Amino acid sequence: MVTAKEAYEIMDKYISNNPKDRIMNFSETSDAFVFGTKCNPSFGHMAVRKSDGYVYVMHIIDYAEHVENNDNFEIDTHTFKRINMAS
Protein backbone atom coordinates (compact mmCIF):
# COMPACT_ATOMS: atom_id res chain seq x y z
CA MET A 1 0.00 0.00 0.00
CA VAL A 2 1.39 3.39 -1.04
CA THR A 3 1.27 6.26 1.47
CA ALA A 4 0.52 9.89 0.54
CA LYS A 5 4.18 10.83 0.99
CA GLU A 6 5.33 7.96 -1.25
CA ALA A 7 2.71 8.92 -3.86
CA TYR A 8 3.98 12.52 -3.87
CA GLU A 9 7.56 11.31 -4.37
CA ILE A 10 6.47 8.98 -7.20
CA MET A 11 4.59 11.79 -8.98
CA ASP A 12 7.38 14.32 -8.43
CA LYS A 13 9.87 11.90 -10.00
CA TYR A 14 7.42 11.10 -12.84
CA ILE A 15 7.02 14.75 -13.88
CA SER A 16 10.67 15.73 -13.29
CA ASN A 17 11.50 15.32 -17.02
CA ASN A 18 10.14 18.84 -17.47
CA PRO A 19 11.89 21.18 -14.99
CA LYS A 20 9.05 23.74 -15.25
CA ASP A 21 6.44 21.19 -14.25
CA ARG A 22 5.31 20.99 -10.65
CA ILE A 23 2.51 19.60 -8.57
CA MET A 24 -0.24 22.21 -8.10
CA ASN A 25 -2.86 20.33 -6.10
CA PHE A 26 -3.55 17.04 -4.43
CA SER A 27 -6.63 15.02 -3.55
CA GLU A 28 -7.41 11.50 -2.49
CA THR A 29 -9.97 8.98 -3.72
CA SER A 30 -10.68 5.58 -2.23
CA ASP A 31 -8.15 3.90 -4.54
CA ALA A 32 -5.70 6.63 -5.61
CA PHE A 33 -3.85 9.83 -4.78
CA VAL A 34 -4.66 12.43 -7.48
CA PHE A 35 -2.36 15.26 -8.55
CA GLY A 36 -2.88 18.32 -10.74
CA THR A 37 0.31 19.44 -12.48
CA LYS A 38 1.26 22.88 -13.83
CA CYS A 39 2.85 22.19 -17.21
CA ASN A 40 0.92 19.19 -18.44
CA PRO A 41 -1.93 20.96 -20.23
CA SER A 42 -3.00 17.85 -22.11
CA PHE A 43 -3.63 15.92 -18.87
CA GLY A 44 -6.36 16.86 -16.42
CA HIS A 45 -5.19 15.06 -13.31
CA MET A 46 -2.70 12.28 -12.92
CA ALA A 47 -3.01 9.66 -10.21
CA VAL A 48 -0.90 7.19 -8.27
CA ARG A 49 -2.81 4.00 -7.47
CA LYS A 50 -2.67 3.21 -3.73
CA SER A 51 -2.35 -0.54 -4.15
CA ASP A 52 0.81 -0.61 -6.29
CA GLY A 53 2.07 2.93 -7.05
CA TYR A 54 1.11 2.78 -10.75
CA VAL A 55 0.88 6.24 -12.39
CA TYR A 56 -2.07 6.91 -14.71
CA VAL A 57 -4.11 9.77 -16.14
CA MET A 58 -7.44 10.35 -14.38
CA HIS A 59 -8.94 12.23 -17.30
CA ILE A 60 -7.86 14.41 -20.20
CA ILE A 61 -8.94 18.08 -20.07
CA ASP A 62 -9.80 18.27 -23.79
CA TYR A 63 -12.36 15.52 -23.34
CA ALA A 64 -13.50 16.43 -19.83
CA GLU A 65 -16.92 17.57 -21.05
CA HIS A 66 -17.58 13.98 -22.11
CA VAL A 67 -16.78 12.57 -18.69
CA GLU A 68 -19.71 12.44 -16.33
CA ASN A 69 -19.26 13.32 -12.67
CA ASN A 70 -17.79 10.58 -10.48
CA ASP A 71 -16.47 8.63 -13.48
CA ASN A 72 -12.77 7.80 -13.33
CA PHE A 73 -10.96 6.38 -16.31
CA GLU A 74 -7.50 4.85 -16.20
CA ILE A 75 -5.48 5.70 -19.30
CA ASP A 76 -2.09 4.07 -19.73
CA THR A 77 0.45 6.91 -19.81
CA HIS A 78 2.94 4.73 -21.65
CA THR A 79 0.83 4.98 -24.82
CA PHE A 80 1.18 8.78 -24.96
CA LYS A 81 4.01 10.60 -26.68
CA ARG A 82 5.31 13.23 -24.26
CA ILE A 83 5.86 16.66 -25.79
CA ASN A 84 6.67 20.10 -24.43
CA MET A 85 4.01 22.65 -25.27
CA ALA A 86 4.69 26.39 -25.29
CA SER A 87 2.57 28.27 -22.80
PDB file of N, CA and C in Angstrom:
ATOM      1  N   MET A   1       0.847  -1.181   0.000  1.00  0.00           N
ATOM      2  CA  MET A   1       0.000   0.000   0.000  1.00  0.00           C
ATOM      3  C   MET A   1       0.892   1.245   0.000  1.00  0.00           C
ATOM      4  N   VAL A   2       0.617   2.157  -0.899  1.00  0.00           N
ATOM      5  CA  VAL A   2       1.394   3.385  -1.042  1.00  0.00           C
ATOM      6  C   VAL A   2       0.824   4.456  -0.115  1.00  0.00           C
ATOM      7  N   THR A   3       1.703   5.165   0.604  1.00  0.00           N
ATOM      8  CA  THR A   3       1.275   6.264   1.466  1.00  0.00           C
ATOM      9  C   THR A   3       1.206   7.551   0.647  1.00  0.00           C
ATOM     10  N   ALA A   4       0.613   8.596   1.224  1.00  0.00           N
ATOM     11  CA  ALA A   4       0.516   9.888   0.538  1.00  0.00           C
ATOM     12  C   ALA A   4       1.905  10.450   0.243  1.00  0.00           C
ATOM     13  N   LYS A   5       2.823  10.326   1.194  1.00  0.00           N
ATOM     14  CA  LYS A   5       4.182  10.829   0.990  1.00  0.00           C
ATOM     15  C   LYS A   5       4.879  10.077  -0.147  1.00  0.00           C
ATOM     16  N   GLU A   6       4.731   8.761  -0.175  1.00  0.00           N
ATOM     17  CA  GLU A   6       5.333   7.965  -1.250  1.00  0.00           C
ATOM     18  C   GLU A   6       4.716   8.320  -2.601  1.00  0.00           C
ATOM     19  N   ALA A   7       3.393   8.543  -2.617  1.00  0.00           N
ATOM     20  CA  ALA A   7       2.713   8.917  -3.865  1.00  0.00           C
ATOM     21  C   ALA A   7       3.233  10.252  -4.379  1.00  0.00           C
ATOM     22  N   TYR A   8       3.436  11.215  -3.469  1.00  0.00           N
ATOM     23  CA  TYR A   8       3.984  12.516  -3.865  1.00  0.00           C
ATOM     24  C   TYR A   8       5.372  12.344  -4.480  1.00  0.00           C
ATOM     25  N   GLU A   9       6.209  11.539  -3.849  1.00  0.00           N
ATOM     26  CA  GLU A   9       7.563  11.307  -4.367  1.00  0.00           C
ATOM     27  C   GLU A   9       7.529  10.616  -5.728  1.00  0.00           C
ATOM     28  N   ILE A  10       6.612   9.662  -5.909  1.00  0.00           N
ATOM     29  CA  ILE A  10       6.469   8.979  -7.198  1.00  0.00           C
ATOM     30  C   ILE A  10       6.072   9.981  -8.277  1.00  0.00           C
ATOM     31  N   MET A  11       5.066  10.829  -7.987  1.00  0.00           N
ATOM     32  CA  MET A  11       4.592  11.795  -8.982  1.00  0.00           C
ATOM     33  C   MET A  11       5.651  12.846  -9.270  1.00  0.00           C
ATOM     34  N   ASP A  12       6.333  13.317  -8.241  1.00  0.00           N
ATOM     35  CA  ASP A  12       7.382  14.319  -8.434  1.00  0.00           C
ATOM     36  C   ASP A  12       8.476  13.776  -9.350  1.00  0.00           C
ATOM     37  N   LYS A  13       8.862  12.528  -9.142  1.00  0.00           N
ATOM     38  CA  LYS A  13       9.869  11.901 -10.005  1.00  0.00           C
ATOM     39  C   LYS A  13       9.325  11.717 -11.423  1.00  0.00           C
ATOM     40  N   TYR A  14       8.043  11.347 -11.541  1.00  0.00           N
ATOM     41  CA  TYR A  14       7.425  11.099 -12.845  1.00  0.00           C
ATOM     42  C   TYR A  14       7.410  12.357 -13.708  1.00  0.00           C
ATOM     43  N   ILE A  15       7.113  13.521 -13.099  1.00  0.00           N
ATOM     44  CA  ILE A  15       7.019  14.754 -13.884  1.00  0.00           C
ATOM     45  C   ILE A  15       8.340  15.502 -13.970  1.00  0.00           C
ATOM     46  N   SER A  16       9.398  14.996 -13.353  1.00  0.00           N
ATOM     47  CA  SER A  16      10.670  15.727 -13.293  1.00  0.00           C
ATOM     48  C   SER A  16      11.382  15.844 -14.638  1.00  0.00           C
ATOM     49  N   ASN A  17      10.894  15.165 -15.691  1.00  0.00           N
ATOM     50  CA  ASN A  17      11.497  15.316 -17.020  1.00  0.00           C
ATOM     51  C   ASN A  17      11.373  16.745 -17.523  1.00  0.00           C
ATOM     52  N   ASN A  18      10.346  17.448 -17.096  1.00  0.00           N
ATOM     53  CA  ASN A  18      10.137  18.839 -17.470  1.00  0.00           C
ATOM     54  C   ASN A  18      10.403  19.700 -16.237  1.00  0.00           C
ATOM     55  N   PRO A  19      11.534  20.427 -16.204  1.00  0.00           N
ATOM     56  CA  PRO A  19      11.889  21.181 -14.991  1.00  0.00           C
ATOM     57  C   PRO A  19      10.886  22.274 -14.622  1.00  0.00           C
ATOM     58  N   LYS A  20      10.049  22.715 -15.561  1.00  0.00           N
ATOM     59  CA  LYS A  20       9.049  23.742 -15.253  1.00  0.00           C
ATOM     60  C   LYS A  20       7.784  23.142 -14.646  1.00  0.00           C
ATOM     61  N   ASP A  21       7.638  21.848 -14.754  1.00  0.00           N
ATOM     62  CA  ASP A  21       6.438  21.191 -14.248  1.00  0.00           C
ATOM     63  C   ASP A  21       6.507  21.070 -12.735  1.00  0.00           C
ATOM     64  N   ARG A  22       5.371  21.180 -12.094  1.00  0.00           N
ATOM     65  CA  ARG A  22       5.313  20.988 -10.645  1.00  0.00           C
ATOM     66  C   ARG A  22       3.897  20.604 -10.239  1.00  0.00           C
ATOM     67  N   ILE A  23       3.801  20.028  -9.102  1.00  0.00           N
ATOM     68  CA  ILE A  23       2.508  19.605  -8.572  1.00  0.00           C
ATOM     69  C   ILE A  23       1.778  20.830  -8.033  1.00  0.00           C
ATOM     70  N   MET A  24       0.545  21.033  -8.502  1.00  0.00           N
ATOM     71  CA  MET A  24      -0.236  22.210  -8.101  1.00  0.00           C
ATOM     72  C   MET A  24      -1.292  21.891  -7.039  1.00  0.00           C
ATOM     73  N   ASN A  25      -1.861  20.694  -7.103  1.00  0.00           N
ATOM     74  CA  ASN A  25      -2.865  20.334  -6.103  1.00  0.00           C
ATOM     75  C   ASN A  25      -2.876  18.827  -5.898  1.00  0.00           C
ATOM     76  N   PHE A  26      -3.549  18.438  -4.850  1.00  0.00           N
ATOM     77  CA  PHE A  26      -3.549  17.036  -4.433  1.00  0.00           C
ATOM     78  C   PHE A  26      -4.918  16.694  -3.866  1.00  0.00           C
ATOM     79  N   SER A  27      -5.407  15.522  -4.188  1.00  0.00           N
ATOM     80  CA  SER A  27      -6.626  15.024  -3.555  1.00  0.00           C
ATOM     81  C   SER A  27      -6.519  13.509  -3.438  1.00  0.00           C
ATOM     82  N   GLU A  28      -7.459  12.941  -2.739  1.00  0.00           N
ATOM     83  CA  GLU A  28      -7.413  11.501  -2.494  1.00  0.00           C
ATOM     84  C   GLU A  28      -8.769  10.890  -2.797  1.00  0.00           C
ATOM     85  N   THR A  29      -8.761   9.772  -3.515  1.00  0.00           N
ATOM     86  CA  THR A  29      -9.974   8.984  -3.715  1.00  0.00           C
ATOM     87  C   THR A  29      -9.801   7.693  -2.929  1.00  0.00           C
ATOM     88  N   SER A  30     -10.779   6.824  -2.991  1.00  0.00           N
ATOM     89  CA  SER A  30     -10.685   5.580  -2.228  1.00  0.00           C
ATOM     90  C   SER A  30      -9.561   4.675  -2.719  1.00  0.00           C
ATOM     91  N   ASP A  31      -9.185   4.800  -4.004  1.00  0.00           N
ATOM     92  CA  ASP A  31      -8.154   3.902  -4.539  1.00  0.00           C
ATOM     93  C   ASP A  31      -6.922   4.596  -5.096  1.00  0.00           C
ATOM     94  N   ALA A  32      -6.851   5.942  -5.016  1.00  0.00           N
ATOM     95  CA  ALA A  32      -5.697   6.634  -5.606  1.00  0.00           C
ATOM     96  C   ALA A  32      -5.447   7.987  -4.952  1.00  0.00           C
ATOM     97  N   PHE A  33      -4.214   8.462  -5.109  1.00  0.00           N
ATOM     98  CA  PHE A  33      -3.852   9.831  -4.781  1.00  0.00           C
ATOM     99  C   PHE A  33      -3.793  10.578  -6.106  1.00  0.00           C
ATOM    100  N   VAL A  34      -4.490  11.712  -6.210  1.00  0.00           N
ATOM    101  CA  VAL A  34      -4.656  12.426  -7.475  1.00  0.00           C
ATOM    102  C   VAL A  34      -3.911  13.752  -7.417  1.00  0.00           C
ATOM    103  N   PHE A  35      -3.172  14.060  -8.489  1.00  0.00           N
ATOM    104  CA  PHE A  35      -2.356  15.265  -8.545  1.00  0.00           C
ATOM    105  C   PHE A  35      -2.696  16.087  -9.784  1.00  0.00           C
ATOM    106  N   GLY A  36      -2.799  17.398  -9.606  1.00  0.00           N
ATOM    107  CA  GLY A  36      -2.879  18.318 -10.736  1.00  0.00           C
ATOM    108  C   GLY A  36      -1.483  18.874 -10.947  1.00  0.00           C
ATOM    109  N   THR A  37      -1.038  18.940 -12.201  1.00  0.00           N
ATOM    110  CA  THR A  37       0.310  19.436 -12.480  1.00  0.00           C
ATOM    111  C   THR A  37       0.253  20.692 -13.326  1.00  0.00           C
ATOM    112  N   LYS A  38       1.263  21.556 -13.204  1.00  0.00           N
ATOM    113  CA  LYS A  38       1.258  22.876 -13.832  1.00  0.00           C
ATOM    114  C   LYS A  38       1.471  22.833 -15.334  1.00  0.00           C
ATOM    115  N   CYS A  39       2.443  22.109 -15.803  1.00  0.00           N
ATOM    116  CA  CYS A  39       2.849  22.195 -17.213  1.00  0.00           C
ATOM    117  C   CYS A  39       2.463  20.971 -18.027  1.00  0.00           C
ATOM    118  N   ASN A  40       1.429  20.313 -17.649  1.00  0.00           N
ATOM    119  CA  ASN A  40       0.924  19.186 -18.439  1.00  0.00           C
ATOM    120  C   ASN A  40      -0.475  19.537 -18.926  1.00  0.00           C
ATOM    121  N   PRO A  41      -0.592  20.492 -19.858  1.00  0.00           N
ATOM    122  CA  PRO A  41      -1.933  20.960 -20.228  1.00  0.00           C
ATOM    123  C   PRO A  41      -2.794  19.908 -20.906  1.00  0.00           C
ATOM    124  N   SER A  42      -2.190  18.866 -21.442  1.00  0.00           N
ATOM    125  CA  SER A  42      -2.996  17.846 -22.110  1.00  0.00           C
ATOM    126  C   SER A  42      -3.600  16.852 -21.119  1.00  0.00           C
ATOM    127  N   PHE A  43      -3.102  16.834 -19.890  1.00  0.00           N
ATOM    128  CA  PHE A  43      -3.631  15.922 -18.874  1.00  0.00           C
ATOM    129  C   PHE A  43      -4.453  16.729 -17.883  1.00  0.00           C
ATOM    130  N   GLY A  44      -5.584  16.202 -17.455  1.00  0.00           N
ATOM    131  CA  GLY A  44      -6.359  16.864 -16.422  1.00  0.00           C
ATOM    132  C   GLY A  44      -5.697  16.638 -15.076  1.00  0.00           C
ATOM    133  N   HIS A  45      -5.831  15.435 -14.565  1.00  0.00           N
ATOM    134  CA  HIS A  45      -5.195  15.060 -13.312  1.00  0.00           C
ATOM    135  C   HIS A  45      -4.553  13.696 -13.486  1.00  0.00           C
ATOM    136  N   MET A  46      -3.399  13.557 -12.879  1.00  0.00           N
ATOM    137  CA  MET A  46      -2.701  12.279 -12.916  1.00  0.00           C
ATOM    138  C   MET A  46      -2.810  11.659 -11.532  1.00  0.00           C
ATOM    139  N   ALA A  47      -2.799  10.345 -11.479  1.00  0.00           N
ATOM    140  CA  ALA A  47      -3.013   9.656 -10.210  1.00  0.00           C
ATOM    141  C   ALA A  47      -1.970   8.582  -9.977  1.00  0.00           C
ATOM    142  N   VAL A  48      -1.751   8.306  -8.701  1.00  0.00           N
ATOM    143  CA  VAL A  48      -0.902   7.194  -8.272  1.00  0.00           C
ATOM    144  C   VAL A  48      -1.823   6.222  -7.539  1.00  0.00           C
ATOM    145  N   ARG A  49      -1.934   5.009  -8.071  1.00  0.00           N
ATOM    146  CA  ARG A  49      -2.812   4.004  -7.469  1.00  0.00           C
ATOM    147  C   ARG A  49      -2.250   3.580  -6.109  1.00  0.00           C
ATOM    148  N   LYS A  50      -3.088   3.545  -5.091  1.00  0.00           N
ATOM    149  CA  LYS A  50      -2.666   3.212  -3.726  1.00  0.00           C
ATOM    150  C   LYS A  50      -2.132   1.790  -3.605  1.00  0.00           C
ATOM    151  N   SER A  51      -2.710   0.861  -4.332  1.00  0.00           N
ATOM    152  CA  SER A  51      -2.354  -0.543  -4.149  1.00  0.00           C
ATOM    153  C   SER A  51      -0.948  -0.876  -4.627  1.00  0.00           C
ATOM    154  N   ASP A  52      -0.489  -0.217  -5.725  1.00  0.00           N
ATOM    155  CA  ASP A  52       0.810  -0.608  -6.285  1.00  0.00           C
ATOM    156  C   ASP A  52       1.695   0.541  -6.767  1.00  0.00           C
ATOM    157  N   GLY A  53       1.243   1.799  -6.642  1.00  0.00           N
ATOM    158  CA  GLY A  53       2.071   2.932  -7.048  1.00  0.00           C
ATOM    159  C   GLY A  53       2.078   3.208  -8.539  1.00  0.00           C
ATOM    160  N   TYR A  54       1.177   2.581  -9.298  1.00  0.00           N
ATOM    161  CA  TYR A  54       1.106   2.777 -10.749  1.00  0.00           C
ATOM    162  C   TYR A  54       0.606   4.187 -11.059  1.00  0.00           C
ATOM    163  N   VAL A  55       1.264   4.886 -11.996  1.00  0.00           N
ATOM    164  CA  VAL A  55       0.882   6.239 -12.394  1.00  0.00           C
ATOM    165  C   VAL A  55      -0.029   6.156 -13.613  1.00  0.00           C
ATOM    166  N   TYR A  56      -1.165   6.868 -13.563  1.00  0.00           N
ATOM    167  CA  TYR A  56      -2.069   6.907 -14.715  1.00  0.00           C
ATOM    168  C   TYR A  56      -2.776   8.254 -14.780  1.00  0.00           C
ATOM    169  N   VAL A  57      -3.381   8.533 -15.925  1.00  0.00           N
ATOM    170  CA  VAL A  57      -4.114   9.772 -16.142  1.00  0.00           C
ATOM    171  C   VAL A  57      -5.554   9.565 -15.682  1.00  0.00           C
ATOM    172  N   MET A  58      -6.049  10.461 -14.832  1.00  0.00           N
ATOM    173  CA  MET A  58      -7.440  10.352 -14.379  1.00  0.00           C
ATOM    174  C   MET A  58      -8.398  10.709 -15.500  1.00  0.00           C
ATOM    175  N   HIS A  59      -8.162  11.838 -16.137  1.00  0.00           N
ATOM    176  CA  HIS A  59      -8.944  12.231 -17.303  1.00  0.00           C
ATOM    177  C   HIS A  59      -8.138  13.242 -18.095  1.00  0.00           C
ATOM    178  N   ILE A  60      -8.541  13.459 -19.334  1.00  0.00           N
ATOM    179  CA  ILE A  60      -7.862  14.411 -20.202  1.00  0.00           C
ATOM    180  C   ILE A  60      -8.745  15.649 -20.308  1.00  0.00           C
ATOM    181  N   ILE A  61      -8.166  16.838 -20.101  1.00  0.00           N
ATOM    182  CA  ILE A  61      -8.938  18.080 -20.075  1.00  0.00           C
ATOM    183  C   ILE A  61      -9.737  18.279 -21.356  1.00  0.00           C
ATOM    184  N   ASP A  62      -9.122  18.038 -22.510  1.00  0.00           N
ATOM    185  CA  ASP A  62      -9.798  18.273 -23.790  1.00  0.00           C
ATOM    186  C   ASP A  62     -11.091  17.483 -23.919  1.00  0.00           C
ATOM    187  N   TYR A  63     -11.179  16.368 -23.240  1.00  0.00           N
ATOM    188  CA  TYR A  63     -12.360  15.524 -23.337  1.00  0.00           C
ATOM    189  C   TYR A  63     -13.173  15.514 -22.047  1.00  0.00           C
ATOM    190  N   ALA A  64     -12.862  16.431 -21.141  1.00  0.00           N
ATOM    191  CA  ALA A  64     -13.504  16.427 -19.827  1.00  0.00           C
ATOM    192  C   ALA A  64     -15.013  16.617 -19.921  1.00  0.00           C
ATOM    193  N   GLU A  65     -15.478  17.357 -20.941  1.00  0.00           N
ATOM    194  CA  GLU A  65     -16.915  17.575 -21.048  1.00  0.00           C
ATOM    195  C   GLU A  65     -17.668  16.279 -21.353  1.00  0.00           C
ATOM    196  N   HIS A  66     -16.952  15.253 -21.810  1.00  0.00           N
ATOM    197  CA  HIS A  66     -17.585  13.978 -22.115  1.00  0.00           C
ATOM    198  C   HIS A  66     -17.558  13.018 -20.925  1.00  0.00           C
ATOM    199  N   VAL A  67     -16.888  13.430 -19.869  1.00  0.00           N
ATOM    200  CA  VAL A  67     -16.777  12.575 -18.689  1.00  0.00           C
ATOM    201  C   VAL A  67     -17.827  13.012 -17.676  1.00  0.00           C
ATOM    202  N   GLU A  68     -18.679  12.107 -17.303  1.00  0.00           N
ATOM    203  CA  GLU A  68     -19.708  12.442 -16.329  1.00  0.00           C
ATOM    204  C   GLU A  68     -19.110  12.480 -14.928  1.00  0.00           C
ATOM    205  N   ASN A  69     -19.738  13.216 -14.048  1.00  0.00           N
ATOM    206  CA  ASN A  69     -19.260  13.323 -12.668  1.00  0.00           C
ATOM    207  C   ASN A  69     -19.129  11.944 -12.038  1.00  0.00           C
ATOM    208  N   ASN A  70     -18.089  11.800 -11.235  1.00  0.00           N
ATOM    209  CA  ASN A  70     -17.793  10.576 -10.483  1.00  0.00           C
ATOM    210  C   ASN A  70     -17.296   9.428 -11.339  1.00  0.00           C
ATOM    211  N   ASP A  71     -17.057   9.661 -12.626  1.00  0.00           N
ATOM    212  CA  ASP A  71     -16.475   8.634 -13.484  1.00  0.00           C
ATOM    213  C   ASP A  71     -14.969   8.816 -13.513  1.00  0.00           C
ATOM    214  N   ASN A  72     -14.235   7.776 -13.262  1.00  0.00           N
ATOM    215  CA  ASN A  72     -12.774   7.803 -13.332  1.00  0.00           C
ATOM    216  C   ASN A  72     -12.329   6.803 -14.376  1.00  0.00           C
ATOM    217  N   PHE A  73     -11.460   7.242 -15.257  1.00  0.00           N
ATOM    218  CA  PHE A  73     -10.956   6.384 -16.311  1.00  0.00           C
ATOM    219  C   PHE A  73      -9.453   6.270 -16.177  1.00  0.00           C
ATOM    220  N   GLU A  74      -8.942   5.058 -16.187  1.00  0.00           N
ATOM    221  CA  GLU A  74      -7.501   4.853 -16.197  1.00  0.00           C
ATOM    222  C   GLU A  74      -7.043   4.829 -17.643  1.00  0.00           C
ATOM    223  N   ILE A  75      -6.059   5.664 -17.959  1.00  0.00           N
ATOM    224  CA  ILE A  75      -5.478   5.705 -19.298  1.00  0.00           C
ATOM    225  C   ILE A  75      -3.997   5.426 -19.140  1.00  0.00           C
ATOM    226  N   ASP A  76      -3.493   4.451 -19.846  1.00  0.00           N
ATOM    227  CA  ASP A  76      -2.088   4.070 -19.727  1.00  0.00           C
ATOM    228  C   ASP A  76      -1.204   5.188 -20.265  1.00  0.00           C
ATOM    229  N   THR A  77      -0.402   5.790 -19.399  1.00  0.00           N
ATOM    230  CA  THR A  77       0.448   6.912 -19.812  1.00  0.00           C
ATOM    231  C   THR A  77       1.566   6.477 -20.738  1.00  0.00           C
ATOM    232  N   HIS A  78       1.854   5.201 -20.795  1.00  0.00           N
ATOM    233  CA  HIS A  78       2.939   4.729 -21.652  1.00  0.00           C
ATOM    234  C   HIS A  78       2.549   4.733 -23.121  1.00  0.00           C
ATOM    235  N   THR A  79       1.267   4.931 -23.422  1.00  0.00           N
ATOM    236  CA  THR A  79       0.832   4.981 -24.818  1.00  0.00           C
ATOM    237  C   THR A  79       0.856   6.396 -25.373  1.00  0.00           C
ATOM    238  N   PHE A  80       1.119   7.389 -24.522  1.00  0.00           N
ATOM    239  CA  PHE A  80       1.179   8.776 -24.963  1.00  0.00           C
ATOM    240  C   PHE A  80       2.594   9.158 -25.353  1.00  0.00           C
ATOM    241  N   LYS A  81       2.720  10.011 -26.345  1.00  0.00           N
ATOM    242  CA  LYS A  81       4.015  10.598 -26.683  1.00  0.00           C
ATOM    243  C   LYS A  81       4.114  11.893 -25.888  1.00  0.00           C
ATOM    244  N   ARG A  82       5.144  12.024 -25.073  1.00  0.00           N
ATOM    245  CA  ARG A  82       5.314  13.227 -24.260  1.00  0.00           C
ATOM    246  C   ARG A  82       5.933  14.324 -25.102  1.00  0.00           C
ATOM    247  N   ILE A  83       5.330  15.514 -25.061  1.00  0.00           N
ATOM    248  CA  ILE A  83       5.861  16.658 -25.794  1.00  0.00           C
ATOM    249  C   ILE A  83       5.841  17.872 -24.880  1.00  0.00           C
ATOM    250  N   ASN A  84       6.698  18.832 -25.155  1.00  0.00           N
ATOM    251  CA  ASN A  84       6.672  20.099 -24.432  1.00  0.00           C
ATOM    252  C   ASN A  84       5.833  21.076 -25.238  1.00  0.00           C
ATOM    253  N   MET A  85       4.876  21.699 -24.595  1.00  0.00           N
ATOM    254  CA  MET A  85       4.008  22.655 -25.274  1.00  0.00           C
ATOM    255  C   MET A  85       4.325  24.048 -24.766  1.00  0.00           C
ATOM    256  N   ALA A  86       4.427  24.997 -25.683  1.00  0.00           N
ATOM    257  CA  ALA A  86       4.689  26.385 -25.291  1.00  0.00           C
ATOM    258  C   ALA A  86       3.468  26.931 -24.569  1.00  0.00           C
ATOM    259  N   SER A  87       3.710  27.716 -23.540  1.00  0.00           N
ATOM    260  CA  SER A  87       2.574  28.275 -22.798  1.00  0.00           C
ATOM    261  C   SER A  87       2.165  29.608 -23.364  1.00  0.00           C
TER     262      SER A  87
END
